[in-house]
Amino acid sequence: MTRTPLNLAALASAAVSGLDPVAVAPMSTASAAPYDAAVVTDAAGRRWVVRAPHSAAGAAELDAASAVVTLLARRLSFGMPVPAGFATLPEGGRAVVHAKLGGGGINLEELGQEDPLVVGIGQALAEIHNLDPALLESAGLETYTADEYRQRHLSDLDRAAASGRVPAALLSRWERALENVAIWQFAPTPIHGGIDGRHLLVVVDGSAARLAGVTGWRRAKVADPADDFAAIVRDCDPDTATEIARAYAKARSTRPDRHLLTRAQLIGEFGYVTNLFDALAAGYPDRVTQAVSWLEQLADEVGGDDLIH
């Protein structure tokens, strides 16, 4: 069920006592996001974000994200979208409302290696990965060993091959990396699970920019820390990605494994397969065609090269 901004404003009012909406605007989301979202301004001038799920699966994701944010917010130094209230939906599930965090997302492609944000991003990722895995395990979030996570990727590879739409050169490249057990020796950590430039909220104080918040926690779990570097390796200049990893390593409580960025590159490339799976599931031919085009372009770029040189 898709809701209009006015529907979402009404849900926000029901979720938070004293929230009197005076304006509402739709909020852009990722194409595969399982919810509708809007920004609501109330009579006191406060701004709120409201999200309402499309399905039972979307409701479960929003509830999981709300639980992990509530659990972790007091343990992390940056802002997080802590729920201020919920509104039960007639068809099941809940809409969730939180105060809108300051700042806006960043374009990782434009981030230079000397930018002060580089250190801030590395330190923020280290903060997340330094958390005790038992915190997320006790909250019922997914938890994987290193080999379980590798096997999960192998299952995705089988699905990709079965689709008949992924270039053979990519399937071979990924299979070789996944069969190389040596690069999958990592210590599972709490991870954000899907971080990219949209989720890194930056504010400008005078002439200096700083990381003020991290959003988008619906895929949080205990798994491979490389997941949180996938977008960085994919979108940043290689030197910038290296500097982020260096700042990260300095802030980690334990030394990161040496294959972190290699796995991150693989996971970033796998993101194109996820786009294909989503397009096939949605049944939109144009989206399938676009996803296949991206995969073919990636195959042209990397050829049959191995991820490990």
Protein backbone atom coordinates (compact mmCIF):
# COMPACT_ATOMS: atom_id res chain seq x y z
CA MET A 1 0.00 0.00 0.00
CA THR A 2 1.39 3.38 -1.06
CA ARG A 3 0.55 6.36 1.14
CA THR A 4 0.33 10.03 0.21
CA PRO A 5 2.27 12.66 2.17
CA LEU A 6 -1.00 13.71 3.84
CA ASN A 7 -1.58 10.13 4.98
CA LEU A 8 1.93 10.06 6.41
CA ALA A 9 1.43 13.40 8.20
CA ALA A 10 -1.66 11.97 9.89
CA LEU A 11 0.34 8.94 11.00
CA ALA A 12 3.04 11.20 12.42
CA SER A 13 0.43 13.09 14.43
CA ALA A 14 -0.94 9.82 15.79
CA ALA A 15 2.54 8.55 16.69
CA VAL A 16 3.90 11.56 18.60
CA SER A 17 1.90 13.38 21.23
CA GLY A 18 1.69 17.12 20.55
CA LEU A 19 2.84 16.83 16.93
CA ASP A 20 0.51 19.20 15.04
CA PRO A 21 1.41 19.00 11.30
CA VAL A 22 1.39 22.25 9.32
CA ALA A 23 3.42 21.13 6.28
CA VAL A 24 4.54 17.88 4.72
CA ALA A 25 6.81 16.96 1.83
CA PRO A 26 7.62 13.56 0.29
CA MET A 27 11.05 12.20 1.11
CA SER A 28 13.05 10.39 -1.55
CA THR A 29 14.01 6.79 -0.77
CA ALA A 30 15.99 4.09 -2.52
CA SER A 31 13.95 2.42 -5.25
CA ALA A 32 13.88 -0.86 -3.33
CA ALA A 33 13.05 0.69 0.07
CA PRO A 34 10.07 -1.19 1.56
CA TYR A 35 8.36 1.94 2.91
CA ASP A 36 6.97 5.38 2.06
CA ALA A 37 8.55 8.38 3.75
CA ALA A 38 7.85 12.05 4.29
CA VAL A 39 9.19 15.04 6.21
CA VAL A 40 6.59 16.69 8.44
CA THR A 41 6.87 20.17 9.94
CA ASP A 42 4.78 20.82 13.04
CA ALA A 43 3.27 23.98 14.51
CA ALA A 44 6.32 24.45 16.75
CA GLY A 45 8.64 24.47 13.73
CA ARG A 46 10.08 21.06 14.48
CA ARG A 47 10.75 18.69 11.58
CA TRP A 48 10.03 14.97 11.71
CA VAL A 49 10.60 11.99 9.43
CA VAL A 50 7.79 9.44 9.18
CA ARG A 51 8.11 6.06 7.46
CA ALA A 52 5.30 3.57 6.82
CA PRO A 53 6.01 0.06 5.47
CA HIS A 54 4.53 -1.37 2.27
CA SER A 55 4.49 -4.98 3.46
CA ALA A 56 5.01 -7.35 6.37
CA ALA A 57 8.67 -7.71 5.35
CA GLY A 58 9.05 -3.93 5.28
CA ALA A 59 7.38 -3.65 8.69
CA ALA A 60 9.83 -6.19 10.11
CA GLU A 61 12.79 -4.25 8.68
CA LEU A 62 11.59 -0.95 10.14
CA ASP A 63 10.99 -2.54 13.53
CA ALA A 64 14.46 -4.10 13.48
CA ALA A 65 16.06 -0.79 12.51
CA SER A 66 14.15 1.03 15.25
CA ALA A 67 15.29 -1.51 17.82
CA VAL A 68 18.95 -1.33 16.85
CA VAL A 69 18.98 2.48 16.73
CA THR A 70 17.40 2.68 20.18
CA LEU A 71 19.96 0.19 21.46
CA LEU A 72 23.04 1.80 19.93
CA ALA A 73 22.33 5.55 19.96
CA ARG A 74 23.68 6.12 23.47
CA ARG A 75 26.82 4.16 22.62
CA LEU A 76 27.81 6.11 19.49
CA SER A 77 29.03 9.69 19.27
CA PHE A 78 27.09 10.74 16.16
CA GLY A 79 23.39 11.42 15.67
CA MET A 80 20.99 8.58 14.90
CA PRO A 81 17.28 8.46 13.96
CA VAL A 82 15.95 7.43 17.37
CA PRO A 83 12.19 6.70 17.23
CA ALA A 84 9.97 9.25 18.97
CA GLY A 85 6.79 7.25 18.45
CA PHE A 86 4.91 4.63 16.46
CA ALA A 87 1.48 4.42 14.83
CA THR A 88 -0.14 1.01 14.36
CA LEU A 89 -1.35 0.41 10.80
CA PRO A 90 -4.73 -1.22 10.04
CA GLU A 91 -3.14 -3.83 7.76
CA GLY A 92 -0.43 -4.66 10.30
CA GLY A 93 2.97 -3.23 11.14
CA ARG A 94 3.78 0.24 12.44
CA ALA A 95 4.74 3.61 11.06
CA VAL A 96 7.79 5.03 12.83
CA VAL A 97 8.54 8.70 13.48
CA HIS A 98 11.81 10.34 14.51
CA ALA A 99 13.11 13.90 14.73
CA LYS A 100 14.79 14.90 11.48
CA LEU A 101 18.55 14.93 11.90
CA GLY A 102 20.54 17.94 10.76
CA GLY A 103 22.77 17.89 7.73
CA GLY A 104 22.55 16.12 4.41
CA GLY A 105 24.10 13.19 2.61
CA ILE A 106 27.32 13.45 0.64
CA ASN A 107 28.55 12.46 -2.80
CA LEU A 108 31.39 10.05 -2.14
CA GLU A 109 32.69 10.52 -5.69
CA GLU A 110 33.52 14.14 -4.88
CA LEU A 111 35.34 13.37 -1.63
CA GLY A 112 39.08 14.08 -1.84
CA GLN A 113 41.70 12.24 0.19
CA GLU A 114 42.65 15.44 2.06
CA ASP A 115 39.07 16.25 3.05
CA PRO A 116 38.63 16.30 6.85
CA LEU A 117 35.49 14.20 6.39
CA VAL A 118 37.72 11.29 5.40
CA VAL A 119 38.93 10.89 8.98
CA GLY A 120 35.43 11.39 10.38
CA ILE A 121 33.98 8.66 8.18
CA GLY A 122 36.75 6.22 9.07
CA GLN A 123 36.32 6.91 12.78
CA ALA A 124 32.53 6.54 12.60
CA LEU A 125 32.82 3.14 10.93
CA ALA A 126 35.34 2.09 13.57
CA GLU A 127 32.94 3.14 16.33
CA ILE A 128 30.25 0.89 14.87
CA HIS A 129 32.58 -2.06 14.36
CA ASN A 130 34.10 -1.68 17.84
CA LEU A 131 30.74 -2.37 19.46
CA ASP A 132 30.21 -5.66 21.29
CA PRO A 133 28.55 -8.16 18.90
CA ALA A 134 26.53 -9.48 21.85
CA LEU A 135 24.52 -6.23 21.82
CA LEU A 136 23.05 -7.01 18.41
CA GLU A 137 22.84 -10.74 19.05
CA SER A 138 20.76 -10.14 22.19
CA ALA A 139 18.44 -7.88 20.20
CA GLY A 140 17.72 -10.76 17.83
CA LEU A 141 19.51 -9.36 14.78
CA GLU A 142 21.07 -11.63 12.19
CA THR A 143 24.48 -12.96 13.16
CA TYR A 144 26.90 -14.76 10.82
CA THR A 145 30.23 -16.46 11.15
CA ALA A 146 32.78 -15.68 8.44
CA ASP A 147 32.16 -18.92 6.58
CA GLU A 148 28.37 -18.61 6.86
CA TYR A 149 28.61 -15.21 5.24
CA ARG A 150 30.84 -16.53 2.48
CA GLN A 151 28.32 -19.31 1.85
CA ARG A 152 25.56 -16.72 1.69
CA HIS A 153 27.44 -14.91 -1.07
CA LEU A 154 27.95 -18.22 -2.89
CA SER A 155 24.18 -18.77 -2.82
CA ASP A 156 23.71 -15.32 -4.35
CA LEU A 157 26.25 -16.24 -7.01
CA ASP A 158 24.24 -19.36 -7.86
CA ARG A 159 21.09 -17.24 -8.18
CA ALA A 160 22.94 -14.79 -10.40
CA ALA A 161 24.12 -17.59 -12.67
CA ALA A 162 20.64 -19.13 -12.79
CA SER A 163 19.16 -15.81 -13.95
CA GLY A 164 21.09 -16.11 -17.22
CA ARG A 165 21.57 -12.34 -17.24
CA VAL A 166 25.00 -11.93 -15.61
CA PRO A 167 28.09 -11.93 -17.88
CA ALA A 168 30.17 -15.09 -17.54
CA ALA A 169 33.35 -13.08 -16.92
CA LEU A 170 31.81 -11.58 -13.77
CA LEU A 171 30.54 -14.93 -12.51
CA SER A 172 34.02 -16.41 -12.90
CA ARG A 173 35.70 -13.41 -11.25
CA TRP A 174 33.38 -13.60 -8.25
CA GLU A 175 33.55 -17.37 -7.95
CA ARG A 176 37.35 -17.30 -7.77
CA ALA A 177 37.22 -14.71 -4.97
CA LEU A 178 34.57 -16.62 -3.03
CA GLU A 179 36.42 -19.92 -3.33
CA ASN A 180 39.60 -18.31 -1.98
CA VAL A 181 38.96 -19.07 1.68
CA ALA A 182 42.06 -17.13 2.76
CA ILE A 183 40.42 -13.75 2.12
CA TRP A 184 37.35 -14.67 4.19
CA GLN A 185 39.16 -14.92 7.52
CA PHE A 186 37.55 -11.99 9.31
CA ALA A 187 36.14 -11.36 12.78
CA PRO A 188 32.38 -10.69 12.50
CA THR A 189 31.44 -7.28 13.90
CA PRO A 190 28.31 -5.17 14.30
CA ILE A 191 27.77 -3.47 10.93
CA HIS A 192 25.43 -0.86 9.49
CA GLY A 193 24.94 -3.20 6.55
CA GLY A 194 24.16 -0.84 3.69
CA ILE A 195 25.98 2.41 4.27
CA ASP A 196 26.54 4.84 1.40
CA GLY A 197 26.77 8.60 0.88
CA ARG A 198 23.04 9.12 1.49
CA HIS A 199 23.37 7.79 5.03
CA LEU A 200 26.33 9.96 6.05
CA LEU A 201 24.83 13.24 7.25
CA VAL A 202 27.20 16.19 7.10
CA VAL A 203 26.80 19.66 8.60
CA VAL A 204 28.94 22.71 7.91
CA ASP A 205 30.18 24.73 10.87
CA GLY A 206 31.65 27.92 9.45
CA SER A 207 33.92 26.67 6.67
CA ALA A 208 34.42 23.17 8.12
CA ALA A 209 32.23 20.16 7.39
CA ARG A 210 31.80 17.36 9.90
CA LEU A 211 29.94 14.08 10.07
CA ALA A 212 26.92 14.65 12.32
CA GLY A 213 24.76 11.56 11.88
CA VAL A 214 24.27 8.17 10.28
CA THR A 215 20.88 6.94 9.04
CA GLY A 216 19.52 3.85 7.24
CA TRP A 217 19.98 1.10 9.83
CA ARG A 218 17.45 -1.44 8.51
CA ARG A 219 20.16 -3.92 7.43
CA ALA A 220 22.22 -3.84 10.64
CA LYS A 221 23.59 -7.21 11.70
CA VAL A 222 26.71 -8.97 12.96
CA ALA A 223 28.70 -9.91 9.85
CA ASP A 224 31.53 -8.77 7.60
CA PRO A 225 32.95 -5.28 8.32
CA ALA A 226 33.77 -5.08 4.59
CA ASP A 227 30.06 -4.56 3.88
CA ASP A 228 30.33 -1.04 5.27
CA PHE A 229 33.22 -0.24 2.92
CA ALA A 230 31.52 -1.49 -0.25
CA ALA A 231 30.10 1.90 -1.32
CA ILE A 232 33.32 3.65 -0.29
CA VAL A 233 35.45 1.39 -2.52
CA ARG A 234 32.89 1.59 -5.33
CA ASP A 235 32.32 5.36 -5.31
CA CYS A 236 35.44 7.00 -3.88
CA ASP A 237 38.72 7.66 -5.62
CA PRO A 238 41.06 4.75 -4.66
CA ASP A 239 43.39 7.06 -2.71
CA THR A 240 40.43 8.45 -0.77
CA ALA A 241 39.16 4.96 0.06
CA THR A 242 42.65 4.06 1.30
CA GLU A 243 42.76 7.13 3.56
CA ILE A 244 39.33 6.29 5.02
CA ALA A 245 40.56 2.76 5.69
CA ARG A 246 43.71 4.15 7.33
CA ALA A 247 41.70 6.39 9.68
CA TYR A 248 39.43 3.45 10.39
CA ALA A 249 42.33 1.14 11.24
CA LYS A 250 43.76 3.68 13.70
CA ALA A 251 40.41 3.89 15.52
CA ARG A 252 39.63 0.17 15.62
CA SER A 253 40.06 -1.66 18.92
CA THR A 254 41.50 -4.63 17.00
CA ARG A 255 43.56 -4.68 13.83
CA PRO A 256 41.39 -4.99 10.67
CA ASP A 257 42.11 -7.98 8.45
CA ARG A 258 44.25 -7.24 5.39
CA HIS A 259 41.64 -8.36 2.86
CA LEU A 260 38.97 -5.92 4.06
CA LEU A 261 39.01 -3.70 0.96
CA THR A 262 39.23 -6.65 -1.43
CA ARG A 263 36.01 -8.10 -0.02
CA ALA A 264 34.49 -4.62 -0.04
CA GLN A 265 35.14 -4.38 -3.77
CA LEU A 266 33.47 -7.76 -4.33
CA ILE A 267 30.46 -6.78 -2.23
CA GLY A 268 30.20 -3.49 -4.11
CA GLU A 269 30.16 -5.35 -7.42
CA PHE A 270 27.57 -7.75 -6.05
CA GLY A 271 25.36 -4.72 -5.49
CA TYR A 272 24.66 -4.71 -9.24
CA VAL A 273 23.30 -8.24 -8.89
CA THR A 274 21.08 -7.10 -6.03
CA ASN A 275 19.67 -4.44 -8.36
CA LEU A 276 18.92 -7.18 -10.89
CA PHE A 277 17.22 -9.37 -8.28
CA ASP A 278 15.08 -6.43 -7.12
CA ALA A 279 14.11 -5.57 -10.69
CA LEU A 280 13.17 -9.17 -11.48
CA ALA A 281 11.14 -9.44 -8.27
CA ALA A 282 9.30 -6.20 -9.07
CA GLY A 283 8.53 -7.38 -12.60
CA TYR A 284 9.62 -4.14 -14.30
CA PRO A 285 11.24 -4.92 -17.71
CA ASP A 286 12.85 -1.48 -17.99
CA ARG A 287 14.55 -1.89 -14.61
CA VAL A 288 15.74 -5.37 -15.57
CA THR A 289 17.21 -3.98 -18.80
CA GLN A 290 18.99 -1.22 -16.89
CA ALA A 291 20.37 -3.66 -14.30
CA VAL A 292 21.70 -5.93 -17.05
CA SER A 293 23.27 -2.92 -18.79
CA TRP A 294 25.11 -1.98 -15.59
CA LEU A 295 26.40 -5.55 -15.23
CA GLU A 296 27.62 -5.58 -18.83
CA GLN A 297 29.37 -2.25 -18.28
CA LEU A 298 31.04 -3.62 -15.14
CA ALA A 299 32.17 -6.68 -17.08
CA ASP A 300 33.74 -4.41 -19.71
CA GLU A 301 35.57 -2.48 -16.98
CA VAL A 302 37.03 -5.39 -15.02
CA GLY A 303 37.21 -8.01 -17.77
CA GLY A 304 38.33 -11.38 -16.49
CA ASP A 305 40.76 -9.96 -13.92
CA ASP A 306 40.99 -11.49 -10.48
CA LEU A 307 40.06 -9.38 -7.46
CA ILE A 308 43.33 -10.46 -5.85
CA HIS A 309 46.47 -9.61 -7.80
